[in-house]
């Protein structure tokens, strides 16, 4: 037995020695190969492959959900429009008739026509330059259309500007009968200049005269009437405001022919409507009302031919006039809302010519306020 145990032990030792002395397996050779990945395919498990479906037609526009202000306007059946009452051609109260008239006023009428098919469904609130911002901020007016310049400060703190209806610039007017040598701004060195406070005009005047290195004395007033009265009385050597305002106010001076508007354009003054913040639906209605009056002119739709244009085969005209499509639903207005506006006040060009054009005392040319197709800046996004 003892011999058997010794034999087994010897066999185990021999096996361990063989294992230790065996050669190690050789390392696998690494074959380098460049692989170009042409496409990554992501595979996801699905319950079952569905049969292909035909493409469904686009859903019609969903009806607009009226915002708080837009609903309030519709409920009261009246628009409250902030305007100027002392700027002939733009916003003016005829004291003999008690009626408001002007370029800006016609845009108020266009909105009431669009909403209620009635240009009289409006309450005009005359606001001064200093009252404009608070009127928007407090919601006293539904829309402000009062020769107001669009700036970042006003857009951020007053309300939202919707579009530019009149491209203007600041100018300077002098009595050239009394001051025949004044031709440029530099000629106004040490002159007194009447200017209205609470406007972009005041800041522009300071900036421009500093750039011209020309000292001057500002004579400041709260509203337009005393500003121009002081100038007409000779208490100032010159007066400054938007060029459109100078042209308008010159017609009210004692001897309009004695006064000249200098060639210098002192600033950019894009004028247009603005609305209180908080109702994007109402903002869109006012914005697209302006745009569609511009597009109406572009496509030759006028107050005289709008009924005939309802049979036009031009797709754009059909959409604008509500003959085809349901775009009005996205705004919350009636299908014929543009037809109503054009019938009431005409297209943009008709509004301009009636209030400011060659057949008016102001005799303004369209200039940059012409359509983009005629070298101007008036351009509306497509209505589609």
Protein backbone atom coordinates (compact mmCIF):
# COMPACT_ATOMS: atom_id res chain seq x y z
CA UNK A 1 0.00 0.00 0.00
CA UNK A 2 2.80 2.31 0.89
CA UNK A 3 4.39 1.64 -2.52
CA UNK A 4 1.13 2.61 -4.32
CA UNK A 5 0.91 5.97 -2.53
CA UNK A 6 4.51 6.80 -3.39
CA UNK A 7 3.85 5.98 -7.08
CA UNK A 8 0.80 8.25 -7.24
CA UNK A 9 2.68 11.14 -5.68
CA UNK A 10 5.46 10.72 -8.20
CA UNK A 11 2.97 10.90 -11.08
CA UNK A 12 1.44 14.18 -9.77
CA UNK A 13 4.84 15.84 -9.46
CA UNK A 14 5.71 14.79 -13.01
CA UNK A 15 2.44 16.29 -14.33
CA UNK A 16 3.11 19.67 -12.67
CA UNK A 17 6.62 19.76 -14.09
CA UNK A 18 5.34 19.14 -17.63
CA UNK A 19 2.70 21.90 -17.29
CA UNK A 20 5.25 24.42 -16.10
CA UNK A 21 7.68 23.61 -18.87
CA UNK A 22 5.11 23.70 -21.70
CA UNK A 23 5.57 26.61 -24.14
CA UNK A 24 3.19 29.61 -23.68
CA UNK A 25 0.55 30.06 -26.35
CA UNK A 26 1.61 32.55 -28.97
CA UNK A 27 -0.10 36.01 -28.93
CA UNK A 28 -2.66 36.50 -31.70
CA UNK A 29 -1.50 38.59 -34.64
CA UNK A 30 -3.23 42.00 -34.98
CA UNK A 31 -4.33 42.73 -38.54
CA UNK A 32 -4.89 46.43 -39.14
CA UNK A 33 -7.70 47.29 -41.58
CA UNK A 34 -9.25 50.65 -42.36
CA UNK A 35 -13.05 50.59 -42.32
CA UNK A 36 -15.06 53.46 -43.82
CA UNK A 37 -18.49 53.93 -42.26
CA UNK A 38 -20.79 55.04 -45.03
CA UNK A 39 -24.03 55.22 -43.11
CA UNK A 40 -25.32 54.85 -39.59
CA UNK A 41 -28.54 52.91 -39.39
CA UNK A 42 -30.56 53.11 -36.20
CA UNK A 43 -32.93 50.19 -35.78
CA UNK A 44 -35.79 50.42 -33.31
CA UNK A 45 -38.19 47.70 -32.44
CA UNK A 46 -41.80 48.32 -33.31
CA UNK A 47 -44.88 46.33 -32.57
CA UNK A 48 -45.60 45.72 -36.22
CA UNK A 49 -44.87 47.36 -39.52
CA UNK A 50 -47.87 49.46 -40.40
CA UNK A 51 -49.03 49.71 -43.94
CA UNK A 52 -48.05 53.00 -45.60
CA UNK A 53 -50.73 55.70 -45.37
CA UNK A 54 -51.66 58.33 -47.89
CA UNK A 55 -50.53 61.86 -46.97
CA UNK A 56 -53.43 63.67 -45.31
CA UNK A 57 -54.30 67.18 -46.50
CA UNK A 58 -53.16 70.05 -44.28
CA UNK A 59 -55.60 70.87 -41.53
CA UNK A 60 -57.45 74.19 -41.89
CA UNK A 61 -56.25 77.03 -39.63
CA UNK A 62 -57.58 76.74 -36.12
CA UNK A 63 -59.89 79.57 -35.03
CA UNK A 64 -58.09 82.18 -32.97
CA UNK A 65 -58.62 82.34 -29.23
CA UNK A 66 -59.24 86.00 -28.53
CA UNK A 67 -56.87 87.70 -26.13
CA UNK A 68 -58.18 89.78 -23.24
CA UNK A 69 -57.96 93.16 -24.99
CA UNK A 70 -59.26 91.91 -28.30
CA UNK A 71 -62.21 90.30 -26.50
CA UNK A 72 -62.88 93.52 -24.59
CA UNK A 73 -62.93 95.49 -27.85
CA UNK A 74 -65.34 93.03 -29.42
CA UNK A 75 -67.55 93.01 -26.32
CA UNK A 76 -67.82 96.80 -26.16
CA UNK A 77 -68.28 97.04 -29.95
CA UNK A 78 -66.01 100.06 -30.04
CA UNK A 79 -62.33 100.83 -30.57
CA UNK A 80 -60.48 103.36 -28.41
CA UNK A 81 -57.82 104.99 -30.59
CA UNK A 82 -55.20 107.42 -29.27
CA UNK A 83 -54.55 110.20 -31.80
CA UNK A 84 -53.19 113.70 -32.29
CA UNK A 85 -55.72 116.52 -32.47
CA UNK A 86 -53.42 119.30 -33.61
CA UNK A 87 -51.39 118.07 -36.59
CA UNK A 88 -53.16 118.78 -39.90
CA UNK A 89 -52.75 115.99 -42.40
CA UNK A 90 -52.05 113.34 -39.73
CA UNK A 91 -54.38 113.82 -36.79
CA UNK A 92 -56.53 116.90 -36.53
CA UNK A 93 -59.76 117.87 -34.78
CA UNK A 94 -61.91 120.14 -36.90
CA UNK A 95 -63.39 122.34 -34.19
CA UNK A 96 -66.17 123.46 -36.51
CA UNK A 97 -67.47 119.93 -37.10
CA UNK A 98 -66.03 118.10 -34.10
CA UNK A 99 -64.69 115.43 -36.45
CA UNK A 100 -61.20 113.94 -36.45
CA UNK A 101 -59.39 113.59 -39.76
CA UNK A 102 -55.96 112.75 -41.14
CA UNK A 103 -53.59 110.02 -42.25
CA UNK A 104 -53.31 108.43 -38.80
CA UNK A 105 -57.04 108.76 -38.15
CA UNK A 106 -57.78 106.80 -41.33
CA UNK A 107 -55.92 103.81 -39.91
CA UNK A 108 -58.20 103.97 -36.85
CA UNK A 109 -61.16 103.95 -39.25
CA UNK A 110 -59.70 101.01 -41.14
CA UNK A 111 -59.53 98.96 -37.93
CA UNK A 112 -63.12 99.75 -36.94
CA UNK A 113 -64.26 98.86 -40.44
CA UNK A 114 -62.39 95.56 -40.24
CA UNK A 115 -63.88 94.66 -36.86
CA UNK A 116 -67.38 96.13 -36.97
CA UNK A 117 -67.94 97.21 -40.58
CA UNK A 118 -68.56 100.69 -39.16
CA UNK A 119 -66.04 103.55 -39.26
CA UNK A 120 -67.99 105.33 -36.51
CA UNK A 121 -67.49 102.54 -33.96
CA UNK A 122 -64.49 104.35 -32.51
CA UNK A 123 -63.70 106.69 -29.66
CA UNK A 124 -60.82 109.04 -30.40
CA UNK A 125 -58.66 109.95 -27.41
CA UNK A 126 -56.51 113.01 -28.07
CA UNK A 127 -53.17 112.55 -26.31
CA UNK A 128 -50.18 114.86 -26.13
CA UNK A 129 -46.60 113.75 -26.70
CA UNK A 130 -46.13 113.39 -22.96
CA UNK A 131 -49.36 111.42 -22.51
CA UNK A 132 -48.68 108.81 -25.22
CA UNK A 133 -46.55 106.43 -23.19
CA UNK A 134 -48.80 106.34 -20.10
CA UNK A 135 -51.89 105.89 -22.30
CA UNK A 136 -50.35 102.69 -23.68
CA UNK A 137 -48.85 101.50 -20.40
CA UNK A 138 -52.14 101.80 -18.50
CA UNK A 139 -54.24 100.43 -21.36
CA UNK A 140 -56.26 103.65 -21.61
CA UNK A 141 -56.20 103.22 -25.41
CA UNK A 142 -56.52 100.04 -27.48
CA UNK A 143 -54.12 101.38 -30.08
CA UNK A 144 -51.98 104.51 -30.43
CA UNK A 145 -51.80 105.93 -33.95
CA UNK A 146 -50.30 109.36 -33.40
CA UNK A 147 -47.18 110.30 -35.39
CA UNK A 148 -45.01 108.38 -32.91
CA UNK A 149 -41.46 107.28 -33.63
CA UNK A 150 -40.62 103.60 -33.16
CA UNK A 151 -37.62 103.24 -30.81
CA UNK A 152 -36.27 100.41 -28.68
CA UNK A 153 -37.08 102.27 -25.45
CA UNK A 154 -40.69 102.79 -26.40
CA UNK A 155 -41.04 99.26 -27.74
CA UNK A 156 -39.73 97.87 -24.46
CA UNK A 157 -41.49 100.17 -22.00
CA UNK A 158 -44.58 101.70 -23.65
CA UNK A 159 -46.15 99.03 -25.83
CA UNK A 160 -45.50 97.10 -29.03
CA UNK A 161 -45.07 98.85 -32.38
CA UNK A 162 -46.70 96.88 -35.16
CA UNK A 163 -45.36 98.38 -38.39
CA UNK A 164 -44.14 101.59 -39.98
CA UNK A 165 -46.85 103.57 -41.77
CA UNK A 166 -44.77 106.68 -42.51
CA UNK A 167 -41.00 106.98 -42.87
CA UNK A 168 -39.97 110.42 -41.68
CA UNK A 169 -36.93 112.36 -40.49
CA UNK A 170 -36.36 115.33 -38.22
CA UNK A 171 -35.95 118.73 -39.86
CA UNK A 172 -35.43 122.40 -39.07
CA UNK A 173 -37.56 125.36 -40.14
CA UNK A 174 -36.48 129.01 -40.09
CA UNK A 175 -38.04 132.33 -40.98
CA UNK A 176 -35.88 133.12 -43.98
CA UNK A 177 -37.44 136.54 -44.39
CA UNK A 178 -35.92 137.53 -41.04
CA UNK A 179 -32.86 135.29 -41.35
CA UNK A 180 -32.04 135.13 -45.07
CA UNK A 181 -28.46 133.93 -44.50
CA UNK A 182 -29.45 130.71 -42.72
CA UNK A 183 -28.98 127.81 -45.13
CA UNK A 184 -27.49 125.06 -42.96
CA UNK A 185 -27.49 123.94 -39.34
CA UNK A 186 -24.07 125.53 -38.79
CA UNK A 187 -25.63 128.89 -39.66
CA UNK A 188 -27.72 128.54 -36.48
CA UNK A 189 -24.74 129.08 -34.19
CA UNK A 190 -25.93 130.58 -30.86
CA UNK A 191 -29.50 130.67 -32.21
CA UNK A 192 -32.58 129.93 -30.09
CA UNK A 193 -34.48 126.86 -31.26
CA UNK A 194 -38.02 125.97 -30.20
CA UNK A 195 -38.48 122.27 -29.43
CA UNK A 196 -41.13 120.13 -27.77
CA UNK A 197 -40.16 118.15 -24.70
CA UNK A 198 -41.01 114.49 -24.17
CA UNK A 199 -40.11 113.62 -27.76
CA UNK A 200 -37.21 112.07 -29.64
CA UNK A 201 -36.85 115.51 -31.25
CA UNK A 202 -35.24 117.02 -28.16
CA UNK A 203 -32.50 114.39 -27.94
CA UNK A 204 -31.89 114.38 -31.70
CA UNK A 205 -31.45 118.16 -31.69
CA UNK A 206 -28.78 117.99 -28.98
CA UNK A 207 -26.95 115.12 -30.66
CA UNK A 208 -26.92 116.68 -34.12
CA UNK A 209 -25.87 120.18 -33.04
CA UNK A 210 -23.07 118.68 -30.95
CA UNK A 211 -21.94 116.74 -34.03
CA UNK A 212 -22.02 120.00 -36.00
CA UNK A 213 -20.00 121.66 -33.20
CA UNK A 214 -22.66 124.37 -33.13
CA UNK A 215 -23.84 125.93 -29.86
CA UNK A 216 -27.52 126.78 -29.55
CA UNK A 217 -30.15 127.71 -26.97
CA UNK A 218 -33.11 125.30 -26.66
CA UNK A 219 -36.48 126.87 -25.84
CA UNK A 220 -38.62 124.00 -24.56
CA UNK A 221 -42.42 123.61 -24.47
CA UNK A 222 -44.69 120.79 -23.30
CA UNK A 223 -46.97 120.64 -26.35
CA UNK A 224 -46.90 121.48 -30.03
CA UNK A 225 -49.26 124.48 -30.01
CA UNK A 226 -47.15 126.75 -27.75
CA UNK A 227 -43.97 125.52 -29.47
CA UNK A 228 -45.08 126.77 -32.87
CA UNK A 229 -46.86 129.82 -31.46
CA UNK A 230 -43.59 130.97 -29.89
CA UNK A 231 -41.76 130.41 -33.15
CA UNK A 232 -44.39 132.29 -35.15
CA UNK A 233 -44.16 135.18 -32.71
CA UNK A 234 -40.40 135.40 -33.25
CA UNK A 235 -39.39 134.19 -29.78
CA UNK A 236 -37.19 131.54 -31.42
CA UNK A 237 -34.91 131.76 -34.45
CA UNK A 238 -35.89 128.27 -35.61
CA UNK A 239 -38.16 125.36 -34.76
CA UNK A 240 -37.55 121.62 -35.09
CA UNK A 241 -39.71 118.50 -35.30
CA UNK A 242 -40.35 115.75 -37.85
CA UNK A 243 -40.31 117.07 -41.40
CA UNK A 244 -43.90 115.97 -41.92
CA UNK A 245 -44.84 117.99 -38.83
CA UNK A 246 -43.01 121.05 -40.11
CA UNK A 247 -44.82 120.81 -43.44
CA UNK A 248 -48.14 120.43 -41.65
CA UNK A 249 -47.57 123.21 -39.12
CA UNK A 250 -46.25 125.67 -41.70
CA UNK A 251 -49.76 125.86 -43.17
CA UNK A 252 -51.00 127.29 -39.85
CA UNK A 253 -48.40 130.08 -39.53
CA UNK A 254 -49.35 133.71 -40.13
CA UNK A 255 -47.34 133.94 -43.37
CA UNK A 256 -46.43 130.39 -44.45
CA UNK A 257 -44.33 131.63 -47.38
CA UNK A 258 -41.85 133.33 -45.05
CA UNK A 259 -40.67 129.99 -43.65
CA UNK A 260 -38.23 127.51 -45.15
CA UNK A 261 -37.46 123.95 -44.15
CA UNK A 262 -33.72 123.39 -44.37
CA UNK A 263 -32.38 120.49 -46.45
CA UNK A 264 -30.72 118.80 -43.47
CA UNK A 265 -32.37 115.56 -42.29
CA UNK A 266 -31.31 115.13 -38.69
CA UNK A 267 -32.53 111.62 -37.89
CA UNK A 268 -34.56 108.56 -38.84
CA UNK A 269 -38.16 108.75 -37.64
CA UNK A 270 -40.23 105.65 -38.52
CA UNK A 271 -43.79 106.41 -37.45
CA UNK A 272 -46.46 103.80 -36.84
CA UNK A 273 -49.19 102.33 -34.63
CA UNK A 274 -48.49 100.65 -31.30
CA UNK A 275 -50.62 98.58 -28.94
CA UNK A 276 -50.47 97.80 -25.21
CA UNK A 277 -48.54 94.68 -24.24
CA UNK A 278 -50.25 91.49 -23.13
CA UNK A 279 -52.38 90.49 -26.11
CA UNK A 280 -50.51 88.99 -29.05
CA UNK A 281 -53.78 88.32 -30.89
CA UNK A 282 -54.70 92.01 -30.96
CA UNK A 283 -51.12 92.88 -31.90
CA UNK A 284 -51.41 90.59 -34.94
CA UNK A 285 -54.75 92.05 -36.03
CA UNK A 286 -53.40 95.62 -36.06
CA UNK A 287 -50.15 94.55 -37.72
CA UNK A 288 -51.84 92.66 -40.53
CA UNK A 289 -54.41 95.41 -41.04
CA UNK A 290 -51.53 97.73 -41.94
CA UNK A 291 -49.88 95.09 -44.12
CA UNK A 292 -53.05 94.31 -46.05
CA UNK A 293 -53.70 97.98 -46.85
CA UNK A 294 -50.18 98.05 -48.32
CA UNK A 295 -50.75 94.78 -50.21
CA UNK A 296 -54.07 96.07 -51.51
CA UNK A 297 -52.23 98.92 -53.21
CA UNK A 298 -49.58 96.53 -54.51
CA UNK A 299 -52.22 94.37 -56.21
CA UNK A 300 -54.27 97.29 -57.50
CA UNK A 301 -57.21 96.83 -55.13
CA UNK A 302 -58.90 100.20 -54.54
CA UNK A 303 -62.03 101.54 -52.91
CA UNK A 304 -63.47 101.99 -56.41
CA UNK A 305 -62.81 98.49 -57.76
CA UNK A 306 -62.80 96.23 -54.68
CA UNK A 307 -66.15 94.65 -55.58
CA UNK A 308 -64.93 93.83 -59.09
CA UNK A 309 -61.68 92.43 -57.69
CA UNK A 310 -63.67 89.78 -55.84
CA UNK A 311 -63.86 87.93 -59.16
CA UNK A 312 -60.11 88.17 -59.80
CA UNK A 313 -58.33 84.95 -60.78
CA UNK A 314 -55.07 86.07 -59.13
CA UNK A 315 -54.45 83.71 -56.18
CA UNK A 316 -52.96 86.45 -53.98
CA UNK A 317 -55.94 88.72 -54.55
CA UNK A 318 -58.35 85.88 -53.78
CA UNK A 319 -56.60 85.24 -50.46
CA UNK A 320 -56.39 88.93 -49.51
CA UNK A 321 -60.09 89.51 -50.16
CA UNK A 322 -61.16 86.28 -48.48
CA UNK A 323 -62.49 84.65 -51.63
CA UNK A 324 -60.37 81.56 -50.93
CA UNK A 325 -58.78 80.17 -47.79
CA UNK A 326 -59.51 80.65 -44.10
CA UNK A 327 -56.62 82.91 -43.09
CA UNK A 328 -59.02 85.24 -41.32
CA UNK A 329 -59.65 82.54 -38.73
CA UNK A 330 -56.07 82.69 -37.52
CA UNK A 331 -56.62 86.36 -36.64
CA UNK A 332 -60.16 86.11 -35.29
CA UNK A 333 -61.70 88.43 -37.88
CA UNK A 334 -64.40 88.05 -40.53
CA UNK A 335 -63.64 86.64 -43.96
CA UNK A 336 -64.23 90.00 -45.68
CA UNK A 337 -62.26 92.09 -43.21
CA UNK A 338 -59.87 93.48 -45.84
CA UNK A 339 -62.76 94.25 -48.19
CA UNK A 340 -64.36 96.27 -45.39
CA UNK A 341 -61.18 98.29 -44.80
CA UNK A 342 -60.58 99.10 -48.45
CA UNK A 343 -64.21 100.11 -48.99
CA UNK A 344 -64.03 102.40 -45.96
CA UNK A 345 -60.69 104.20 -46.44
CA UNK A 346 -59.04 102.81 -49.59
CA UNK A 347 -55.63 101.19 -49.85
CA UNK A 348 -52.42 102.66 -48.39
CA UNK A 349 -51.81 104.86 -51.43
CA UNK A 350 -55.34 106.26 -51.32
CA UNK A 351 -54.94 107.10 -47.61
CA UNK A 352 -51.65 108.87 -48.30
CA UNK A 353 -52.88 110.86 -51.29
CA UNK A 354 -56.15 111.91 -49.67
CA UNK A 355 -54.45 113.33 -46.58
CA UNK A 356 -50.94 114.35 -47.66
CA UNK A 357 -50.60 114.09 -51.43
CA UNK A 358 -50.36 116.56 -54.34
CA UNK A 359 -54.00 117.64 -54.08
CA UNK A 360 -53.65 118.67 -50.43
CA UNK A 361 -52.09 121.83 -48.94
CA UNK A 362 -49.04 119.73 -47.94
CA UNK A 363 -48.25 118.47 -51.45
CA UNK A 364 -46.07 115.62 -50.18
CA UNK A 365 -44.52 113.24 -52.68
CA UNK A 366 -44.48 109.56 -51.78
CA UNK A 367 -40.67 109.34 -51.73
CA UNK A 368 -39.55 106.52 -49.44
CA UNK A 369 -43.19 105.97 -48.52
CA UNK A 370 -43.87 104.55 -51.97
CA UNK A 371 -44.25 100.83 -52.60
CA UNK A 372 -41.10 98.73 -52.77
CA UNK A 373 -41.96 98.03 -56.42
CA UNK A 374 -41.68 101.77 -57.09
CA UNK A 375 -38.44 102.48 -55.26
CA UNK A 376 -39.92 103.05 -51.80
CA UNK A 377 -39.78 101.20 -48.48
CA UNK A 378 -43.42 100.11 -48.20
CA UNK A 379 -43.31 96.31 -48.17
CA UNK A 380 -45.73 93.83 -46.66
CA UNK A 381 -45.08 90.15 -45.90
CA UNK A 382 -47.17 87.73 -47.97
CA UNK A 383 -50.68 86.98 -46.75
CA UNK A 384 -50.65 83.21 -46.84
